[in-house]
Amino acid sequence: MAGREFLSGHDQTALHDRVRQIGTVSQFLDWFDIVRGNQPMA
């Protein structure tokens, strides 16, 4: 497992746990864009 930070599938679990803390996927993306100063593509 050299070079891997997560066990198989655990990266997705960690990501989805963070999304749930914000709300929906759409809300997470809006929040992320605000925090990072990114402009939405659409």
PDB file of N, CA and C in Angstrom:
ATOM      1  N   MET A   1       0.811  -1.196   0.000  1.00  0.00           N
ATOM      2  CA  MET A   1       0.000   0.000   0.000  1.00  0.00           C
ATOM      3  C   MET A   1       0.853   1.258   0.000  1.00  0.00           C
ATOM      4  N   ALA A   2       2.047   1.158  -0.468  1.00  0.00           N
ATOM      5  CA  ALA A   2       2.918   2.323  -0.523  1.00  0.00           C
ATOM      6  C   ALA A   2       2.301   3.396  -1.406  1.00  0.00           C
ATOM      7  N   GLY A   3       2.294   4.642  -0.916  1.00  0.00           N
ATOM      8  CA  GLY A   3       1.765   5.744  -1.689  1.00  0.00           C
ATOM      9  C   GLY A   3       0.268   5.937  -1.572  1.00  0.00           C
ATOM     10  N   ARG A   4      -0.416   5.041  -0.886  1.00  0.00           N
ATOM     11  CA  ARG A   4      -1.874   5.178  -0.729  1.00  0.00           C
ATOM     12  C   ARG A   4      -2.176   5.772   0.637  1.00  0.00           C
ATOM     13  N   GLU A   5      -3.091   6.704   0.662  1.00  0.00           N
ATOM     14  CA  GLU A   5      -3.454   7.360   1.909  1.00  0.00           C
ATOM     15  C   GLU A   5      -4.644   6.705   2.589  1.00  0.00           C
ATOM     16  N   PHE A   6      -5.460   5.965   1.835  1.00  0.00           N
ATOM     17  CA  PHE A   6      -6.677   5.368   2.362  1.00  0.00           C
ATOM     18  C   PHE A   6      -6.746   3.896   1.985  1.00  0.00           C
ATOM     19  N   LEU A   7      -7.428   3.129   2.803  1.00  0.00           N
ATOM     20  CA  LEU A   7      -7.775   1.779   2.404  1.00  0.00           C
ATOM     21  C   LEU A   7      -8.783   1.881   1.269  1.00  0.00           C
ATOM     22  N   SER A   8      -8.886   0.846   0.477  1.00  0.00           N
ATOM     23  CA  SER A   8      -9.791   0.853  -0.667  1.00  0.00           C
ATOM     24  C   SER A   8     -11.207   1.247  -0.250  1.00  0.00           C
ATOM     25  N   GLY A   9     -11.748   2.277  -0.900  1.00  0.00           N
ATOM     26  CA  GLY A   9     -13.101   2.735  -0.641  1.00  0.00           C
ATOM     27  C   GLY A   9     -13.236   3.731   0.490  1.00  0.00           C
ATOM     28  N   HIS A  10     -12.239   3.816   1.359  1.00  0.00           N
ATOM     29  CA  HIS A  10     -12.347   4.720   2.509  1.00  0.00           C
ATOM     30  C   HIS A  10     -12.238   6.182   2.104  1.00  0.00           C
ATOM     31  N   ASP A  11     -11.601   6.455   0.971  1.00  0.00           N
ATOM     32  CA  ASP A  11     -11.535   7.832   0.499  1.00  0.00           C
ATOM     33  C   ASP A  11     -12.928   8.349   0.162  1.00  0.00           C
ATOM     34  N   GLN A  12     -13.738   7.514  -0.459  1.00  0.00           N
ATOM     35  CA  GLN A  12     -15.101   7.911  -0.793  1.00  0.00           C
ATOM     36  C   GLN A  12     -15.941   8.115   0.459  1.00  0.00           C
ATOM     37  N   THR A  13     -15.747   7.260   1.451  1.00  0.00           N
ATOM     38  CA  THR A  13     -16.462   7.412   2.719  1.00  0.00           C
ATOM     39  C   THR A  13     -16.103   8.732   3.371  1.00  0.00           C
ATOM     40  N   ALA A  14     -14.831   9.057   3.401  1.00  0.00           N
ATOM     41  CA  ALA A  14     -14.376  10.308   4.008  1.00  0.00           C
ATOM     42  C   ALA A  14     -14.945  11.513   3.253  1.00  0.00           C
ATOM     43  N   LEU A  15     -14.942  11.450   1.941  1.00  0.00           N
ATOM     44  CA  LEU A  15     -15.467  12.538   1.129  1.00  0.00           C
ATOM     45  C   LEU A  15     -16.959  12.730   1.378  1.00  0.00           C
ATOM     46  N   HIS A  16     -17.716  11.654   1.346  1.00  0.00           N
ATOM     47  CA  HIS A  16     -19.164  11.756   1.540  1.00  0.00           C
ATOM     48  C   HIS A  16     -19.518  12.217   2.949  1.00  0.00           C
ATOM     49  N   ASP A  17     -18.710  11.849   3.924  1.00  0.00           N
ATOM     50  CA  ASP A  17     -18.930  12.342   5.288  1.00  0.00           C
ATOM     51  C   ASP A  17     -18.797  13.862   5.333  1.00  0.00           C
ATOM     52  N   ARG A  18     -17.823  14.409   4.605  1.00  0.00           N
ATOM     53  CA  ARG A  18     -17.634  15.860   4.582  1.00  0.00           C
ATOM     54  C   ARG A  18     -18.772  16.555   3.850  1.00  0.00           C
ATOM     55  N   VAL A  19     -19.212  15.969   2.747  1.00  0.00           N
ATOM     56  CA  VAL A  19     -20.330  16.544   1.999  1.00  0.00           C
ATOM     57  C   VAL A  19     -21.558  16.620   2.890  1.00  0.00           C
ATOM     58  N   ARG A  20     -21.833  15.556   3.642  1.00  0.00           N
ATOM     59  CA  ARG A  20     -23.001  15.531   4.534  1.00  0.00           C
ATOM     60  C   ARG A  20     -22.931  16.612   5.607  1.00  0.00           C
ATOM     61  N   GLN A  21     -21.740  17.004   6.015  1.00  0.00           N
ATOM     62  CA  GLN A  21     -21.605  18.064   7.013  1.00  0.00           C
ATOM     63  C   GLN A  21     -22.094  19.409   6.473  1.00  0.00           C
ATOM     64  N   ILE A  22     -21.996  19.602   5.163  1.00  0.00           N
ATOM     65  CA  ILE A  22     -22.436  20.839   4.529  1.00  0.00           C
ATOM     66  C   ILE A  22     -23.909  20.737   4.140  1.00  0.00           C
ATOM     67  N   GLY A  23     -24.331  19.581   3.654  1.00  0.00           N
ATOM     68  CA  GLY A  23     -25.716  19.376   3.211  1.00  0.00           C
ATOM     69  C   GLY A  23     -25.739  18.470   1.998  1.00  0.00           C
ATOM     70  N   THR A  24     -26.300  18.980   0.908  1.00  0.00           N
ATOM     71  CA  THR A  24     -26.377  18.213  -0.333  1.00  0.00           C
ATOM     72  C   THR A  24     -25.076  18.384  -1.131  1.00  0.00           C
ATOM     73  N   VAL A  25     -24.927  17.601  -2.175  1.00  0.00           N
ATOM     74  CA  VAL A  25     -23.752  17.742  -3.051  1.00  0.00           C
ATOM     75  C   VAL A  25     -23.739  19.139  -3.657  1.00  0.00           C
ATOM     76  N   SER A  26     -24.895  19.611  -4.102  1.00  0.00           N
ATOM     77  CA  SER A  26     -24.979  20.954  -4.685  1.00  0.00           C
ATOM     78  C   SER A  26     -24.556  22.017  -3.677  1.00  0.00           C
ATOM     79  N   GLN A  27     -25.019  21.893  -2.436  1.00  0.00           N
ATOM     80  CA  GLN A  27     -24.636  22.854  -1.399  1.00  0.00           C
ATOM     81  C   GLN A  27     -23.139  22.766  -1.115  1.00  0.00           C
ATOM     82  N   PHE A  28     -22.597  21.562  -1.124  1.00  0.00           N
ATOM     83  CA  PHE A  28     -21.167  21.384  -0.904  1.00  0.00           C
ATOM     84  C   PHE A  28     -20.369  22.079  -2.007  1.00  0.00           C
ATOM     85  N   LEU A  29     -20.783  21.897  -3.252  1.00  0.00           N
ATOM     86  CA  LEU A  29     -20.068  22.513  -4.368  1.00  0.00           C
ATOM     87  C   LEU A  29     -20.146  24.031  -4.291  1.00  0.00           C
ATOM     88  N   ASP A  30     -21.314  24.568  -3.936  1.00  0.00           N
ATOM     89  CA  ASP A  30     -21.438  26.026  -3.772  1.00  0.00           C
ATOM     90  C   ASP A  30     -20.519  26.512  -2.667  1.00  0.00           C
ATOM     91  N   TRP A  31     -20.524  25.815  -1.534  1.00  0.00           N
ATOM     92  CA  TRP A  31     -19.666  26.179  -0.401  1.00  0.00           C
ATOM     93  C   TRP A  31     -18.195  26.128  -0.802  1.00  0.00           C
ATOM     94  N   PHE A  32     -17.807  25.053  -1.465  1.00  0.00           N
ATOM     95  CA  PHE A  32     -16.416  24.886  -1.885  1.00  0.00           C
ATOM     96  C   PHE A  32     -15.983  26.026  -2.800  1.00  0.00           C
ATOM     97  N   ASP A  33     -16.844  26.382  -3.750  1.00  0.00           N
ATOM     98  CA  ASP A  33     -16.506  27.473  -4.671  1.00  0.00           C
ATOM     99  C   ASP A  33     -16.350  28.798  -3.935  1.00  0.00           C
ATOM    100  N   ILE A  34     -17.200  29.038  -2.938  1.00  0.00           N
ATOM    101  CA  ILE A  34     -17.085  30.268  -2.156  1.00  0.00           C
ATOM    102  C   ILE A  34     -15.780  30.275  -1.361  1.00  0.00           C
ATOM    103  N   VAL A  35     -15.495  29.171  -0.688  1.00  0.00           N
ATOM    104  CA  VAL A  35     -14.296  29.085   0.157  1.00  0.00           C
ATOM    105  C   VAL A  35     -13.031  29.211  -0.688  1.00  0.00           C
ATOM    106  N   ARG A  36     -13.013  28.569  -1.833  1.00  0.00           N
ATOM    107  CA  ARG A  36     -11.825  28.591  -2.689  1.00  0.00           C
ATOM    108  C   ARG A  36     -11.761  29.804  -3.609  1.00  0.00           C
ATOM    109  N   GLY A  37     -12.834  30.568  -3.675  1.00  0.00           N
ATOM    110  CA  GLY A  37     -12.854  31.729  -4.552  1.00  0.00           C
ATOM    111  C   GLY A  37     -12.997  31.346  -6.009  1.00  0.00           C
ATOM    112  N   ASN A  38     -13.491  30.159  -6.267  1.00  0.00           N
ATOM    113  CA  ASN A  38     -13.689  29.692  -7.645  1.00  0.00           C
ATOM    114  C   ASN A  38     -15.009  30.228  -8.188  1.00  0.00           C
ATOM    115  N   GLN A  39     -15.022  30.482  -9.458  1.00  0.00           N
ATOM    116  CA  GLN A  39     -16.262  30.867 -10.127  1.00  0.00           C
ATOM    117  C   GLN A  39     -16.915  29.601 -10.690  1.00  0.00           C
ATOM    118  N   PRO A  40     -18.205  29.402 -10.427  1.00  0.00           N
ATOM    119  CA  PRO A  40     -18.891  28.239 -10.998  1.00  0.00           C
ATOM    120  C   PRO A  40     -18.803  28.253 -12.514  1.00  0.00           C
ATOM    121  N   MET A  41     -18.739  27.069 -13.109  1.00  0.00           N
ATOM    122  CA  MET A  41     -18.598  26.963 -14.562  1.00  0.00           C
ATOM    123  C   MET A  41     -19.906  27.253 -15.279  1.00  0.00           C
ATOM    124  N   ALA A  42     -21.037  27.068 -14.627  1.00  0.00           N
ATOM    125  CA  ALA A  42     -22.310  27.276 -15.326  1.00  0.00           C
ATOM    126  C   ALA A  42     -23.162  28.307 -14.642  1.00  0.00           C
TER     127      ALA A  42
END
